[in-house]
Amino acid sequence: SNWFVWVTQMNHIPMHIDYDKNVDWFSTQ
């Protein structure tokens, strides 16, 4: 669990998090 959470969160949580603004798919990724 420690291993899994570190890997999956380190490259998402630091980034932009918000409600869905219906931005184009490429920009959303």
Full PDB file with SEQRES, HELIX, SHEET, SSBOND, CRYST1, ORIGX, SCALE, CONECT and MASTER records, all heavy atoms in Angstrom:
SEQRES   1 A   29  SER ASN TRP PHE VAL TRP VAL THR GLN MET ASN HIS ILE          
SEQRES   2 A   29  PRO MET HIS ILE ASP TYR ASP LYS ASN VAL ASP TRP PHE          
SEQRES   3 A   29  SER THR GLN                                                  
HELIX    1 AA1 ASN A    2  GLN A    9  1                                   8    
HELIX    2 AA2 TRP A   25  THR A   28  1                                   4    
CRYST1    1.000    1.000    1.000  90.00  90.00  90.00 P 1           1          
ORIGX1      1.000000  0.000000  0.000000        0.00000                         
ORIGX2      0.000000  1.000000  0.000000        0.00000                         
ORIGX3      0.000000  0.000000  1.000000        0.00000                         
SCALE1      1.000000  0.000000  0.000000        0.00000                         
SCALE2      0.000000  1.000000  0.000000        0.00000                         
SCALE3      0.000000  0.000000  1.000000        0.00000                         
ATOM      1  N   SER A   1       0.821  -1.203   0.000  1.00  0.00           N  
ATOM      2  CA  SER A   1       0.000   0.000   0.000  1.00  0.00           C  
ATOM      3  C   SER A   1       0.855   1.253   0.000  1.00  0.00           C  
ATOM      4  O   SER A   1       0.588   2.214  -0.732  1.00  0.00           O  
ATOM      5  CB  SER A   1      -0.924   0.000   1.223  1.00  0.00           C  
ATOM      6  OG  SER A   1      -1.835   1.078   1.163  1.00  0.00           O  
ATOM      7  N   ASN A   2       1.921   1.263   0.835  1.00  0.00           N  
ATOM      8  CA  ASN A   2       2.838   2.398   0.841  1.00  0.00           C  
ATOM      9  C   ASN A   2       3.474   2.579  -0.532  1.00  0.00           C  
ATOM     10  O   ASN A   2       3.573   3.697  -1.056  1.00  0.00           O  
ATOM     11  CB  ASN A   2       3.922   2.195   1.902  1.00  0.00           C  
ATOM     12  CG  ASN A   2       3.436   2.493   3.301  1.00  0.00           C  
ATOM     13  OD1 ASN A   2       3.503   3.615   3.763  1.00  0.00           O  
ATOM     14  ND2 ASN A   2       2.931   1.479   3.984  1.00  0.00           N  
ATOM     15  N   TRP A   3       3.906   1.492  -1.118  1.00  0.00           N  
ATOM     16  CA  TRP A   3       4.547   1.503  -2.442  1.00  0.00           C  
ATOM     17  C   TRP A   3       3.565   2.045  -3.490  1.00  0.00           C  
ATOM     18  O   TRP A   3       3.876   2.944  -4.273  1.00  0.00           O  
ATOM     19  CB  TRP A   3       4.995   0.077  -2.760  1.00  0.00           C  
ATOM     20  CG  TRP A   3       5.889  -0.095  -3.959  1.00  0.00           C  
ATOM     21  CD1 TRP A   3       5.975   0.695  -5.066  1.00  0.00           C  
ATOM     22  CD2 TRP A   3       6.836  -1.151  -4.161  1.00  0.00           C  
ATOM     23  NE1 TRP A   3       6.894   0.196  -5.948  1.00  0.00           N  
ATOM     24  CE2 TRP A   3       7.449  -0.939  -5.414  1.00  0.00           C  
ATOM     25  CE3 TRP A   3       7.214  -2.266  -3.411  1.00  0.00           C  
ATOM     26  CZ2 TRP A   3       8.404  -1.800  -5.938  1.00  0.00           C  
ATOM     27  CZ3 TRP A   3       8.175  -3.114  -3.922  1.00  0.00           C  
ATOM     28  CH2 TRP A   3       8.770  -2.886  -5.175  1.00  0.00           C  
ATOM     29  N   PHE A   4       2.353   1.474  -3.485  1.00  0.00           N  
ATOM     30  CA  PHE A   4       1.340   1.818  -4.481  1.00  0.00           C  
ATOM     31  C   PHE A   4       0.951   3.292  -4.409  1.00  0.00           C  
ATOM     32  O   PHE A   4       0.877   3.989  -5.433  1.00  0.00           O  
ATOM     33  CB  PHE A   4       0.107   0.931  -4.270  1.00  0.00           C  
ATOM     34  CG  PHE A   4      -1.089   1.337  -5.074  1.00  0.00           C  
ATOM     35  CD1 PHE A   4      -1.190   0.989  -6.417  1.00  0.00           C  
ATOM     36  CD2 PHE A   4      -2.123   2.059  -4.499  1.00  0.00           C  
ATOM     37  CE1 PHE A   4      -2.291   1.362  -7.172  1.00  0.00           C  
ATOM     38  CE2 PHE A   4      -3.226   2.446  -5.244  1.00  0.00           C  
ATOM     39  CZ  PHE A   4      -3.309   2.093  -6.584  1.00  0.00           C  
ATOM     40  N   VAL A   5       0.700   3.796  -3.199  1.00  0.00           N  
ATOM     41  CA  VAL A   5       0.232   5.176  -3.053  1.00  0.00           C  
ATOM     42  C   VAL A   5       1.310   6.171  -3.483  1.00  0.00           C  
ATOM     43  O   VAL A   5       1.024   7.160  -4.158  1.00  0.00           O  
ATOM     44  CB  VAL A   5      -0.213   5.450  -1.606  1.00  0.00           C  
ATOM     45  CG1 VAL A   5      -0.506   6.934  -1.402  1.00  0.00           C  
ATOM     46  CG2 VAL A   5      -1.464   4.633  -1.291  1.00  0.00           C  
ATOM     47  N   TRP A   6       2.562   5.895  -3.102  1.00  0.00           N  
ATOM     48  CA  TRP A   6       3.630   6.807  -3.512  1.00  0.00           C  
ATOM     49  C   TRP A   6       3.711   6.925  -5.027  1.00  0.00           C  
ATOM     50  O   TRP A   6       3.800   8.023  -5.580  1.00  0.00           O  
ATOM     51  CB  TRP A   6       4.978   6.325  -2.954  1.00  0.00           C  
ATOM     52  CG  TRP A   6       5.262   6.847  -1.596  1.00  0.00           C  
ATOM     53  CD1 TRP A   6       5.099   6.194  -0.401  1.00  0.00           C  
ATOM     54  CD2 TRP A   6       5.729   8.154  -1.257  1.00  0.00           C  
ATOM     55  NE1 TRP A   6       5.445   6.999   0.645  1.00  0.00           N  
ATOM     56  CE2 TRP A   6       5.839   8.220   0.149  1.00  0.00           C  
ATOM     57  CE3 TRP A   6       6.073   9.271  -2.009  1.00  0.00           C  
ATOM     58  CZ2 TRP A   6       6.270   9.357   0.819  1.00  0.00           C  
ATOM     59  CZ3 TRP A   6       6.508  10.415  -1.337  1.00  0.00           C  
ATOM     60  CH2 TRP A   6       6.604  10.450   0.051  1.00  0.00           C  
ATOM     61  N   VAL A   7       3.664   5.794  -5.712  1.00  0.00           N  
ATOM     62  CA  VAL A   7       3.823   5.796  -7.167  1.00  0.00           C  
ATOM     63  C   VAL A   7       2.637   6.458  -7.852  1.00  0.00           C  
ATOM     64  O   VAL A   7       2.792   7.245  -8.788  1.00  0.00           O  
ATOM     65  CB  VAL A   7       4.021   4.360  -7.691  1.00  0.00           C  
ATOM     66  CG1 VAL A   7       3.953   4.320  -9.215  1.00  0.00           C  
ATOM     67  CG2 VAL A   7       5.359   3.798  -7.198  1.00  0.00           C  
ATOM     68  N   THR A   8       1.426   6.153  -7.399  1.00  0.00           N  
ATOM     69  CA  THR A   8       0.242   6.648  -8.102  1.00  0.00           C  
ATOM     70  C   THR A   8      -0.073   8.113  -7.799  1.00  0.00           C  
ATOM     71  O   THR A   8      -0.703   8.790  -8.621  1.00  0.00           O  
ATOM     72  CB  THR A   8      -0.992   5.794  -7.758  1.00  0.00           C  
ATOM     73  OG1 THR A   8      -1.187   5.784  -6.333  1.00  0.00           O  
ATOM     74  CG2 THR A   8      -0.803   4.365  -8.249  1.00  0.00           C  
ATOM     75  N   GLN A   9       0.355   8.595  -6.638  1.00  0.00           N  
ATOM     76  CA  GLN A   9       0.003   9.962  -6.265  1.00  0.00           C  
ATOM     77  C   GLN A   9       1.085  10.980  -6.599  1.00  0.00           C  
ATOM     78  O   GLN A   9       0.780  12.163  -6.789  1.00  0.00           O  
ATOM     79  CB  GLN A   9      -0.320  10.035  -4.760  1.00  0.00           C  
ATOM     80  CG  GLN A   9      -1.469   9.147  -4.336  1.00  0.00           C  
ATOM     81  CD  GLN A   9      -2.717   9.354  -5.172  1.00  0.00           C  
ATOM     82  OE1 GLN A   9      -3.203  10.472  -5.333  1.00  0.00           O  
ATOM     83  NE2 GLN A   9      -3.243   8.279  -5.727  1.00  0.00           N  
ATOM     84  N   MET A  10       2.349  10.552  -6.672  1.00  0.00           N  
ATOM     85  CA  MET A  10       3.428  11.525  -6.851  1.00  0.00           C  
ATOM     86  C   MET A  10       3.353  12.244  -8.195  1.00  0.00           C  
ATOM     87  O   MET A  10       3.899  13.337  -8.342  1.00  0.00           O  
ATOM     88  CB  MET A  10       4.789  10.840  -6.721  1.00  0.00           C  
ATOM     89  CG  MET A  10       5.104   9.838  -7.820  1.00  0.00           C  
ATOM     90  SD  MET A  10       6.665   8.999  -7.522  1.00  0.00           S  
ATOM     91  CE  MET A  10       6.744   7.903  -8.955  1.00  0.00           C  
ATOM     92  N   ASN A  11       2.685  11.654  -9.170  1.00  0.00           N  
ATOM     93  CA  ASN A  11       2.629  12.281 -10.490  1.00  0.00           C  
ATOM     94  C   ASN A  11       1.233  12.796 -10.845  1.00  0.00           C  
ATOM     95  O   ASN A  11       0.966  13.115 -11.997  1.00  0.00           O  
ATOM     96  CB  ASN A  11       3.122  11.301 -11.563  1.00  0.00           C  
ATOM     97  CG  ASN A  11       2.674   9.892 -11.297  1.00  0.00           C  
ATOM     98  OD1 ASN A  11       1.563   9.675 -10.831  1.00  0.00           O  
ATOM     99  ND2 ASN A  11       3.544   8.920 -11.583  1.00  0.00           N  
ATOM    100  N   HIS A  12       0.342  12.892  -9.846  1.00  0.00           N  
ATOM    101  CA  HIS A  12      -0.985  13.461 -10.069  1.00  0.00           C  
ATOM    102  C   HIS A  12      -1.346  14.544  -9.047  1.00  0.00           C  
ATOM    103  O   HIS A  12      -1.790  15.632  -9.421  1.00  0.00           O  
ATOM    104  CB  HIS A  12      -2.059  12.366 -10.016  1.00  0.00           C  
ATOM    105  CG  HIS A  12      -2.128  11.516 -11.239  1.00  0.00           C  
ATOM    106  ND1 HIS A  12      -2.463  12.025 -12.470  1.00  0.00           N  
ATOM    107  CD2 HIS A  12      -1.904  10.200 -11.432  1.00  0.00           C  
ATOM    108  CE1 HIS A  12      -2.447  11.059 -13.375  1.00  0.00           C  
ATOM    109  NE2 HIS A  12      -2.099   9.940 -12.765  1.00  0.00           N  
ATOM    110  N   ILE A  13      -1.175  14.240  -7.762  1.00  0.00           N  
ATOM    111  CA  ILE A  13      -1.605  15.148  -6.702  1.00  0.00           C  
ATOM    112  C   ILE A  13      -0.938  16.525  -6.772  1.00  0.00           C  
ATOM    113  O   ILE A  13      -1.576  17.529  -6.451  1.00  0.00           O  
ATOM    114  CB  ILE A  13      -1.368  14.494  -5.314  1.00  0.00           C  
ATOM    115  CG1 ILE A  13      -2.304  13.294  -5.144  1.00  0.00           C  
ATOM    116  CG2 ILE A  13      -1.603  15.493  -4.191  1.00  0.00           C  
ATOM    117  CD1 ILE A  13      -3.778  13.635  -5.240  1.00  0.00           C  
ATOM    118  N   PRO A  14       0.328  16.641  -7.196  1.00  0.00           N  
ATOM    119  CA  PRO A  14       0.930  17.983  -7.275  1.00  0.00           C  
ATOM    120  C   PRO A  14       0.325  18.854  -8.373  1.00  0.00           C  
ATOM    121  O   PRO A  14       0.581  20.065  -8.403  1.00  0.00           O  
ATOM    122  CB  PRO A  14       2.412  17.700  -7.575  1.00  0.00           C  
ATOM    123  CG  PRO A  14       2.629  16.280  -7.193  1.00  0.00           C  
ATOM    124  CD  PRO A  14       1.347  15.594  -7.463  1.00  0.00           C  
ATOM    125  N   MET A  15      -0.462  18.253  -9.261  1.00  0.00           N  
ATOM    126  CA  MET A  15      -0.948  18.976 -10.428  1.00  0.00           C  
ATOM    127  C   MET A  15      -2.320  19.608 -10.181  1.00  0.00           C  
ATOM    128  O   MET A  15      -2.881  19.526  -9.086  1.00  0.00           O  
ATOM    129  CB  MET A  15      -0.983  18.025 -11.627  1.00  0.00           C  
ATOM    130  CG  MET A  15       0.369  17.408 -11.944  1.00  0.00           C  
ATOM    131  SD  MET A  15       1.671  18.641 -12.216  1.00  0.00           S  
ATOM    132  CE  MET A  15       1.122  19.336 -13.780  1.00  0.00           C  
ATOM    133  N   HIS A  16      -2.878  20.203 -11.232  1.00  0.00           N  
ATOM    134  CA  HIS A  16      -4.146  20.925 -11.145  1.00  0.00           C  
ATOM    135  C   HIS A  16      -5.295  19.974 -10.805  1.00  0.00           C  
ATOM    136  O   HIS A  16      -5.500  18.965 -11.488  1.00  0.00           O  
ATOM    137  CB  HIS A  16      -4.429  21.621 -12.480  1.00  0.00           C  
ATOM    138  CG  HIS A  16      -5.682  22.448 -12.485  1.00  0.00           C  
ATOM    139  ND1 HIS A  16      -5.791  23.638 -11.790  1.00  0.00           N  
ATOM    140  CD2 HIS A  16      -6.879  22.250 -13.085  1.00  0.00           C  
ATOM    141  CE1 HIS A  16      -6.992  24.147 -11.972  1.00  0.00           C  
ATOM    142  NE2 HIS A  16      -7.679  23.326 -12.744  1.00  0.00           N  
ATOM    143  N   ILE A  17      -6.055  20.301  -9.745  1.00  0.00           N  
ATOM    144  CA  ILE A  17      -7.222  19.513  -9.337  1.00  0.00           C  
ATOM    145  C   ILE A  17      -8.404  20.469  -9.199  1.00  0.00           C  
ATOM    146  O   ILE A  17      -8.330  21.470  -8.493  1.00  0.00           O  
ATOM    147  CB  ILE A  17      -6.974  18.773  -8.009  1.00  0.00           C  
ATOM    148  CG1 ILE A  17      -5.757  17.855  -8.111  1.00  0.00           C  
ATOM    149  CG2 ILE A  17      -8.203  17.971  -7.596  1.00  0.00           C  
ATOM    150  CD1 ILE A  17      -5.367  17.194  -6.806  1.00  0.00           C  
ATOM    151  N   ASP A  18      -9.509  20.160  -9.862  1.00  0.00           N  
ATOM    152  CA  ASP A  18     -10.664  21.069  -9.849  1.00  0.00           C  
ATOM    153  C   ASP A  18     -11.880  20.295 -10.337  1.00  0.00           C  
ATOM    154  O   ASP A  18     -11.796  19.123 -10.707  1.00  0.00           O  
ATOM    155  CB  ASP A  18     -10.390  22.267 -10.757  1.00  0.00           C  
ATOM    156  CG  ASP A  18     -11.306  23.445 -10.455  1.00  0.00           C  
ATOM    157  OD1 ASP A  18     -12.228  23.291  -9.627  1.00  0.00           O  
ATOM    158  OD2 ASP A  18     -11.103  24.514 -11.058  1.00  0.00           O  
ATOM    159  N   TYR A  19     -13.018  20.958 -10.336  1.00  0.00           N  
ATOM    160  CA  TYR A  19     -14.203  20.386 -10.973  1.00  0.00           C  
ATOM    161  C   TYR A  19     -13.951  20.281 -12.470  1.00  0.00           C  
ATOM    162  O   TYR A  19     -13.079  20.962 -13.018  1.00  0.00           O  
ATOM    163  CB  TYR A  19     -15.431  21.255 -10.705  1.00  0.00           C  
ATOM    164  CG  TYR A  19     -15.856  21.308  -9.262  1.00  0.00           C  
ATOM    165  CD1 TYR A  19     -15.516  22.397  -8.460  1.00  0.00           C  
ATOM    166  CD2 TYR A  19     -16.593  20.275  -8.689  1.00  0.00           C  
ATOM    167  CE1 TYR A  19     -15.908  22.458  -7.132  1.00  0.00           C  
ATOM    168  CE2 TYR A  19     -16.994  20.335  -7.355  1.00  0.00           C  
ATOM    169  CZ  TYR A  19     -16.649  21.421  -6.585  1.00  0.00           C  
ATOM    170  OH  TYR A  19     -17.017  21.477  -5.267  1.00  0.00           O  
ATOM    171  N   ASP A  20     -14.724  19.447 -13.124  1.00  0.00           N  
ATOM    172  CA  ASP A  20     -14.578  19.285 -14.575  1.00  0.00           C  
ATOM    173  C   ASP A  20     -14.988  20.573 -15.285  1.00  0.00           C  
ATOM    174  O   ASP A  20     -16.113  21.042 -15.145  1.00  0.00           O  
ATOM    175  CB  ASP A  20     -15.443  18.108 -15.044  1.00  0.00           C  
ATOM    176  CG  ASP A  20     -15.282  17.838 -16.532  1.00  0.00           C  
ATOM    177  OD1 ASP A  20     -14.296  18.340 -17.111  1.00  0.00           O  
ATOM    178  OD2 ASP A  20     -16.122  17.115 -17.096  1.00  0.00           O  
ATOM    179  N   LYS A  21     -14.056  21.151 -16.028  1.00  0.00           N  
ATOM    180  CA  LYS A  21     -14.321  22.384 -16.766  1.00  0.00           C  
ATOM    181  C   LYS A  21     -14.557  22.121 -18.253  1.00  0.00           C  
ATOM    182  O   LYS A  21     -14.594  23.058 -19.055  1.00  0.00           O  
ATOM    183  CB  LYS A  21     -13.138  23.348 -16.616  1.00  0.00           C  
ATOM    184  CG  LYS A  21     -12.827  23.728 -15.170  1.00  0.00           C  
ATOM    185  CD  LYS A  21     -13.981  24.456 -14.507  1.00  0.00           C  
ATOM    186  CE  LYS A  21     -13.623  24.906 -13.100  1.00  0.00           C  
ATOM    187  NZ  LYS A  21     -14.755  25.597 -12.426  1.00  0.00           N  
ATOM    188  N   ASN A  22     -14.688  20.846 -18.618  1.00  0.00           N  
ATOM    189  CA  ASN A  22     -14.904  20.457 -20.018  1.00  0.00           C  
ATOM    190  C   ASN A  22     -13.811  21.004 -20.942  1.00  0.00           C  
ATOM    191  O   ASN A  22     -14.085  21.438 -22.065  1.00  0.00           O  
ATOM    192  CB  ASN A  22     -16.285  20.918 -20.502  1.00  0.00           C  
ATOM    193  CG  ASN A  22     -17.407  20.101 -19.879  1.00  0.00           C  
ATOM    194  OD1 ASN A  22     -17.300  18.885 -19.769  1.00  0.00           O  
ATOM    195  ND2 ASN A  22     -18.467  20.768 -19.451  1.00  0.00           N  
ATOM    196  N   VAL A  23     -12.595  20.984 -20.440  1.00  0.00           N  
ATOM    197  CA  VAL A  23     -11.454  21.355 -21.271  1.00  0.00           C  
ATOM    198  C   VAL A  23     -11.192  20.221 -22.247  1.00  0.00           C  
ATOM    199  O   VAL A  23     -11.558  19.070 -22.002  1.00  0.00           O  
ATOM    200  CB  VAL A  23     -10.216  21.617 -20.383  1.00  0.00           C  
ATOM    201  CG1 VAL A  23      -9.002  22.009 -21.210  1.00  0.00           C  
ATOM    202  CG2 VAL A  23     -10.538  22.698 -19.351  1.00  0.00           C  
ATOM    203  N   ASP A  24     -10.556  20.524 -23.387  1.00  0.00           N  
ATOM    204  CA  ASP A  24     -10.286  19.470 -24.365  1.00  0.00           C  
ATOM    205  C   ASP A  24      -9.449  18.357 -23.740  1.00  0.00           C  
ATOM    206  O   ASP A  24      -8.701  18.577 -22.787  1.00  0.00           O  
ATOM    207  CB  ASP A  24      -9.561  20.064 -25.575  1.00  0.00           C  
ATOM    208  CG  ASP A  24      -8.167  20.561 -25.238  1.00  0.00           C  
ATOM    209  OD1 ASP A  24      -8.059  21.721 -24.779  1.00  0.00           O  
ATOM    210  OD2 ASP A  24      -7.188  19.816 -25.407  1.00  0.00           O  
ATOM    211  N   TRP A  25      -9.592  17.154 -24.301  1.00  0.00           N  
ATOM    212  CA  TRP A  25      -8.988  15.951 -23.716  1.00  0.00           C  
ATOM    213  C   TRP A  25      -7.487  16.088 -23.546  1.00  0.00           C  
ATOM    214  O   TRP A  25      -6.926  15.761 -22.486  1.00  0.00           O  
ATOM    215  CB  TRP A  25      -9.308  14.738 -24.601  1.00  0.00           C  
ATOM    216  CG  TRP A  25      -8.756  13.452 -24.073  1.00  0.00           C  
ATOM    217  CD1 TRP A  25      -9.352  12.605 -23.181  1.00  0.00           C  
ATOM    218  CD2 TRP A  25      -7.485  12.856 -24.399  1.00  0.00           C  
ATOM    219  NE1 TRP A  25      -8.527  11.520 -22.922  1.00  0.00           N  
ATOM    220  CE2 TRP A  25      -7.380  11.656 -23.662  1.00  0.00           C  
ATOM    221  CE3 TRP A  25      -6.435  13.234 -25.247  1.00  0.00           C  
ATOM    222  CZ2 TRP A  25      -6.266  10.822 -23.743  1.00  0.00           C  
ATOM    223  CZ3 TRP A  25      -5.314  12.407 -25.318  1.00  0.00           C  
ATOM    224  CH2 TRP A  25      -5.241  11.208 -24.576  1.00  0.00           C  
ATOM    225  N   PHE A  26      -6.805  16.580 -24.555  1.00  0.00           N  
ATOM    226  CA  PHE A  26      -5.344  16.683 -24.524  1.00  0.00           C  
ATOM    227  C   PHE A  26      -4.892  17.583 -23.374  1.00  0.00           C  
ATOM    228  O   PHE A  26      -3.993  17.217 -22.604  1.00  0.00           O  
ATOM    229  CB  PHE A  26      -4.837  17.228 -25.866  1.00  0.00           C  
ATOM    230  CG  PHE A  26      -3.345  17.258 -25.997  1.00  0.00           C  
ATOM    231  CD1 PHE A  26      -2.634  16.139 -26.401  1.00  0.00           C  
ATOM    232  CD2 PHE A  26      -2.637  18.427 -25.714  1.00  0.00           C  
ATOM    233  CE1 PHE A  26      -1.250  16.164 -26.528  1.00  0.00           C  
ATOM    234  CE2 PHE A  26      -1.259  18.459 -25.842  1.00  0.00           C  
ATOM    235  CZ  PHE A  26      -0.560  17.328 -26.256  1.00  0.00           C  
ATOM    236  N   SER A  27      -5.507  18.733 -23.237  1.00  0.00           N  
ATOM    237  CA  SER A  27      -5.137  19.667 -22.172  1.00  0.00           C  
ATOM    238  C   SER A  27      -5.462  19.092 -20.796  1.00  0.00           C  
ATOM    239  O   SER A  27      -4.704  19.290 -19.832  1.00  0.00           O  
ATOM    240  CB  SER A  27      -5.860  21.004 -22.358  1.00  0.00           C  
ATOM    241  OG  SER A  27      -5.504  21.592 -23.595  1.00  0.00           O  
ATOM    242  N   THR A  28      -6.587  18.385 -20.702  1.00  0.00           N  
ATOM    243  CA  THR A  28      -6.966  17.775 -19.426  1.00  0.00           C  
ATOM    244  C   THR A  28      -5.906  16.797 -18.949  1.00  0.00           C  
ATOM    245  O   THR A  28      -5.551  16.763 -17.764  1.00  0.00           O  
ATOM    246  CB  THR A  28      -8.315  17.043 -19.571  1.00  0.00           C  
ATOM    247  OG1 THR A  28      -9.322  17.984 -19.952  1.00  0.00           O  
ATOM    248  CG2 THR A  28      -8.723  16.380 -18.260  1.00  0.00           C  
ATOM    249  N   GLN A  29      -5.382  15.990 -19.870  1.00  0.00           N  
ATOM    250  CA  GLN A  29      -4.354  15.016 -19.504  1.00  0.00           C  
ATOM    251  C   GLN A  29      -3.072  15.713 -19.040  1.00  0.00           C  
ATOM    252  O   GLN A  29      -2.433  15.287 -18.070  1.00  0.00           O  
ATOM    253  CB  GLN A  29      -4.040  14.105 -20.696  1.00  0.00           C  
ATOM    254  CG  GLN A  29      -5.249  13.384 -21.292  1.00  0.00           C  
ATOM    255  CD  GLN A  29      -6.008  12.557 -20.285  1.00  0.00           C  
ATOM    256  OE1 GLN A  29      -5.430  11.836 -19.471  1.00  0.00           O  
ATOM    257  NE2 GLN A  29      -7.336  12.654 -20.320  1.00  0.00           N  
TER     258      GLN A  29                                                      
MASTER        0    0    0    2    0    0    0    6  257    1    0    3          
END                                                                             
